[in-house]
Amino acid sequence: MILGLSMLTVTHLKAEGFWLGWLPYFRITLLTVGSLASLWMVWCLTKQASLGWGRRTAIQISMTFPVGLMVTVWSLVFFVW
């Protein structure tokens, strides 16, 4: 949500002539922190579950896909599009 709202705000600030050279680094930081927090939450939740190591590992690997997909989408929006 923060990343999406920043797109609208940046458009308005650029129109007003504000310098936003720091913005890509800030967006990368937010995206990294959010992604790592999501992966940490998956790891903690699967660690608490009473599952075998194979099933736990499969769940952890499968949950990295949505996080990676969202990082890819936001990276395309911010740095390519």
N, C-alpha and C. Protein backbone atom coordinates (compact mmCIF):
# COMPACT_ATOMS: atom_id res chain seq x y z
N MET A 1 0.82 -1.18 0.00
CA MET A 1 0.00 0.00 0.00
C MET A 1 0.87 1.25 0.00
N ILE A 2 1.91 1.24 0.79
CA ILE A 2 2.79 2.40 0.84
C ILE A 2 3.45 2.63 -0.51
N LEU A 3 3.85 1.54 -1.16
CA LEU A 3 4.51 1.69 -2.45
C LEU A 3 3.56 2.24 -3.50
N GLY A 4 2.32 1.78 -3.48
CA GLY A 4 1.34 2.29 -4.45
C GLY A 4 0.99 3.75 -4.23
N LEU A 5 0.83 4.14 -2.99
CA LEU A 5 0.52 5.54 -2.69
C LEU A 5 1.69 6.45 -3.03
N SER A 6 2.89 5.93 -2.94
CA SER A 6 4.04 6.76 -3.27
C SER A 6 4.06 7.13 -4.74
N MET A 7 3.49 6.29 -5.60
CA MET A 7 3.46 6.61 -7.03
C MET A 7 2.64 7.88 -7.28
N LEU A 8 1.49 7.97 -6.65
CA LEU A 8 0.63 9.15 -6.82
C LEU A 8 1.29 10.39 -6.22
N THR A 9 1.85 10.24 -5.05
CA THR A 9 2.50 11.36 -4.38
C THR A 9 3.69 11.86 -5.18
N VAL A 10 4.47 10.94 -5.73
CA VAL A 10 5.64 11.33 -6.52
C VAL A 10 5.22 12.10 -7.76
N THR A 11 4.15 11.69 -8.38
CA THR A 11 3.66 12.42 -9.56
C THR A 11 3.35 13.87 -9.20
N HIS A 12 2.71 14.07 -8.07
CA HIS A 12 2.37 15.43 -7.65
C HIS A 12 3.62 16.23 -7.27
N LEU A 13 4.54 15.59 -6.57
CA LEU A 13 5.75 16.30 -6.16
C LEU A 13 6.63 16.66 -7.35
N LYS A 14 6.74 15.77 -8.34
CA LYS A 14 7.51 16.09 -9.54
C LYS A 14 6.90 17.28 -10.28
N ALA A 15 5.57 17.34 -10.31
CA ALA A 15 4.91 18.46 -10.97
C ALA A 15 5.20 19.78 -10.26
N GLU A 16 5.46 19.71 -8.96
CA GLU A 16 5.78 20.91 -8.18
C GLU A 16 7.26 21.25 -8.20
N GLY A 17 8.08 20.38 -8.80
CA GLY A 17 9.49 20.67 -8.93
C GLY A 17 10.38 20.20 -7.79
N PHE A 18 9.89 19.29 -6.96
CA PHE A 18 10.71 18.76 -5.87
C PHE A 18 11.77 17.81 -6.40
N TRP A 19 12.94 17.82 -5.77
CA TRP A 19 14.02 16.90 -6.12
C TRP A 19 13.76 15.56 -5.43
N LEU A 20 13.71 14.50 -6.21
CA LEU A 20 13.41 13.17 -5.69
C LEU A 20 14.47 12.15 -6.08
N GLY A 21 15.72 12.56 -6.08
CA GLY A 21 16.81 11.65 -6.44
C GLY A 21 17.00 10.51 -5.45
N TRP A 22 16.53 10.68 -4.24
CA TRP A 22 16.65 9.66 -3.20
C TRP A 22 15.56 8.60 -3.29
N LEU A 23 14.53 8.85 -4.07
CA LEU A 23 13.35 7.99 -4.08
C LEU A 23 13.61 6.55 -4.51
N PRO A 24 14.39 6.27 -5.55
CA PRO A 24 14.61 4.86 -5.91
C PRO A 24 15.24 4.05 -4.77
N TYR A 25 16.15 4.65 -4.04
CA TYR A 25 16.78 3.94 -2.93
C TYR A 25 15.78 3.67 -1.80
N PHE A 26 14.90 4.63 -1.57
CA PHE A 26 13.87 4.47 -0.55
C PHE A 26 12.89 3.36 -0.94
N ARG A 27 12.50 3.33 -2.22
CA ARG A 27 11.59 2.29 -2.69
C ARG A 27 12.23 0.91 -2.60
N ILE A 28 13.49 0.81 -2.97
CA ILE A 28 14.21 -0.47 -2.87
C ILE A 28 14.25 -0.92 -1.42
N THR A 29 14.50 0.01 -0.52
CA THR A 29 14.55 -0.33 0.91
C THR A 29 13.20 -0.83 1.40
N LEU A 30 12.12 -0.13 1.06
CA LEU A 30 10.78 -0.55 1.48
C LEU A 30 10.43 -1.92 0.91
N LEU A 31 10.73 -2.13 -0.35
CA LEU A 31 10.43 -3.40 -0.99
C LEU A 31 11.24 -4.54 -0.37
N THR A 32 12.49 -4.28 -0.05
CA THR A 32 13.34 -5.30 0.57
C THR A 32 12.87 -5.62 1.98
N VAL A 33 12.59 -4.61 2.77
CA VAL A 33 12.14 -4.83 4.15
C VAL A 33 10.81 -5.58 4.17
N GLY A 34 9.88 -5.19 3.31
CA GLY A 34 8.59 -5.87 3.26
C GLY A 34 8.71 -7.32 2.82
N SER A 35 9.55 -7.57 1.85
CA SER A 35 9.75 -8.93 1.36
C SER A 35 10.42 -9.81 2.41
N LEU A 36 11.44 -9.28 3.04
CA LEU A 36 12.12 -10.05 4.07
C LEU A 36 11.22 -10.31 5.27
N ALA A 37 10.37 -9.35 5.61
CA ALA A 37 9.42 -9.55 6.72
C ALA A 37 8.43 -10.65 6.37
N SER A 38 7.98 -10.69 5.13
CA SER A 38 7.05 -11.74 4.70
C SER A 38 7.71 -13.10 4.76
N LEU A 39 8.94 -13.19 4.28
CA LEU A 39 9.65 -14.47 4.31
C LEU A 39 9.95 -14.90 5.75
N TRP A 40 10.25 -13.94 6.60
CA TRP A 40 10.49 -14.25 8.02
C TRP A 40 9.23 -14.79 8.68
N MET A 41 8.09 -14.20 8.35
CA MET A 41 6.82 -14.66 8.90
C MET A 41 6.52 -16.09 8.44
N VAL A 42 6.76 -16.38 7.18
CA VAL A 42 6.56 -17.75 6.68
C VAL A 42 7.46 -18.71 7.44
N TRP A 43 8.71 -18.34 7.63
CA TRP A 43 9.65 -19.22 8.32
C TRP A 43 9.20 -19.46 9.77
N CYS A 44 8.78 -18.41 10.44
CA CYS A 44 8.33 -18.55 11.84
C CYS A 44 7.07 -19.40 11.95
N LEU A 45 6.12 -19.21 11.05
CA LEU A 45 4.88 -19.97 11.11
C LEU A 45 5.11 -21.45 10.80
N THR A 46 5.96 -21.73 9.84
CA THR A 46 6.22 -23.13 9.53
C THR A 46 7.09 -23.79 10.59
N LYS A 47 7.90 -23.00 11.27
CA LYS A 47 8.73 -23.56 12.34
C LYS A 47 7.85 -24.00 13.51
N GLN A 48 6.77 -23.28 13.77
CA GLN A 48 5.88 -23.60 14.87
C GLN A 48 4.98 -24.81 14.57
N ALA A 49 4.72 -25.06 13.31
CA ALA A 49 3.83 -26.16 12.94
C ALA A 49 4.54 -27.49 13.16
N SER A 50 3.74 -28.48 13.53
CA SER A 50 4.32 -29.81 13.76
C SER A 50 4.29 -30.60 12.44
N LEU A 51 5.25 -30.29 11.59
CA LEU A 51 5.37 -30.93 10.29
C LEU A 51 6.74 -31.57 10.16
N GLY A 52 6.84 -32.52 9.26
CA GLY A 52 8.14 -33.09 8.96
C GLY A 52 8.99 -32.09 8.21
N TRP A 53 10.29 -32.33 8.19
CA TRP A 53 11.19 -31.35 7.56
C TRP A 53 10.94 -31.24 6.06
N GLY A 54 10.54 -32.32 5.41
CA GLY A 54 10.28 -32.28 3.97
C GLY A 54 9.07 -31.42 3.63
N ARG A 55 8.00 -31.62 4.39
CA ARG A 55 6.79 -30.83 4.15
C ARG A 55 7.02 -29.37 4.51
N ARG A 56 7.72 -29.13 5.60
CA ARG A 56 8.02 -27.75 6.02
C ARG A 56 8.85 -27.04 4.95
N THR A 57 9.84 -27.74 4.42
CA THR A 57 10.68 -27.14 3.39
C THR A 57 9.88 -26.86 2.12
N ALA A 58 8.99 -27.78 1.76
CA ALA A 58 8.15 -27.57 0.57
C ALA A 58 7.24 -26.37 0.74
N ILE A 59 6.69 -26.20 1.92
CA ILE A 59 5.83 -25.05 2.19
C ILE A 59 6.63 -23.76 2.13
N GLN A 60 7.82 -23.77 2.72
CA GLN A 60 8.64 -22.56 2.71
C GLN A 60 9.04 -22.19 1.28
N ILE A 61 9.40 -23.17 0.49
CA ILE A 61 9.78 -22.89 -0.89
C ILE A 61 8.59 -22.39 -1.69
N SER A 62 7.43 -23.02 -1.47
CA SER A 62 6.25 -22.59 -2.23
C SER A 62 5.79 -21.18 -1.83
N MET A 63 6.06 -20.78 -0.61
CA MET A 63 5.67 -19.44 -0.18
C MET A 63 6.65 -18.36 -0.62
N THR A 64 7.81 -18.75 -1.09
CA THR A 64 8.72 -17.75 -1.64
C THR A 64 8.27 -17.29 -3.03
N PHE A 65 7.49 -18.12 -3.73
CA PHE A 65 7.02 -17.75 -5.06
C PHE A 65 6.17 -16.49 -5.06
N PRO A 66 5.12 -16.39 -4.22
CA PRO A 66 4.32 -15.15 -4.23
C PRO A 66 5.12 -13.91 -3.84
N VAL A 67 6.03 -14.07 -2.91
CA VAL A 67 6.86 -12.92 -2.51
C VAL A 67 7.75 -12.50 -3.68
N GLY A 68 8.36 -13.45 -4.33
CA GLY A 68 9.19 -13.14 -5.50
C GLY A 68 8.39 -12.53 -6.63
N LEU A 69 7.17 -13.01 -6.81
CA LEU A 69 6.31 -12.45 -7.85
C LEU A 69 5.98 -10.99 -7.57
N MET A 70 5.67 -10.68 -6.33
CA MET A 70 5.35 -9.29 -5.99
C MET A 70 6.58 -8.38 -6.11
N VAL A 71 7.74 -8.88 -5.74
CA VAL A 71 8.96 -8.09 -5.91
C VAL A 71 9.19 -7.82 -7.39
N THR A 72 8.97 -8.82 -8.21
CA THR A 72 9.14 -8.64 -9.65
C THR A 72 8.17 -7.61 -10.22
N VAL A 73 6.91 -7.71 -9.82
CA VAL A 73 5.89 -6.77 -10.32
C VAL A 73 6.22 -5.34 -9.90
N TRP A 74 6.51 -5.13 -8.61
CA TRP A 74 6.80 -3.77 -8.14
C TRP A 74 8.10 -3.25 -8.76
N SER A 75 9.08 -4.11 -8.96
CA SER A 75 10.32 -3.67 -9.62
C SER A 75 10.05 -3.22 -11.04
N LEU A 76 9.21 -3.96 -11.74
CA LEU A 76 8.85 -3.54 -13.10
C LEU A 76 8.12 -2.20 -13.11
N VAL A 77 7.22 -2.02 -12.15
CA VAL A 77 6.45 -0.77 -12.10
C VAL A 77 7.37 0.41 -11.77
N PHE A 78 8.27 0.23 -10.83
CA PHE A 78 9.10 1.34 -10.38
C PHE A 78 10.29 1.63 -11.28
N PHE A 79 10.90 0.62 -11.86
CA PHE A 79 12.19 0.83 -12.53
C PHE A 79 12.19 0.55 -14.02
N VAL A 80 11.14 -0.05 -14.56
CA VAL A 80 11.12 -0.34 -15.99
C VAL A 80 10.01 0.43 -16.70
N TRP A 81 8.83 0.42 -16.12
CA TRP A 81 7.66 1.00 -16.78
C TRP A 81 7.71 2.46 -16.86
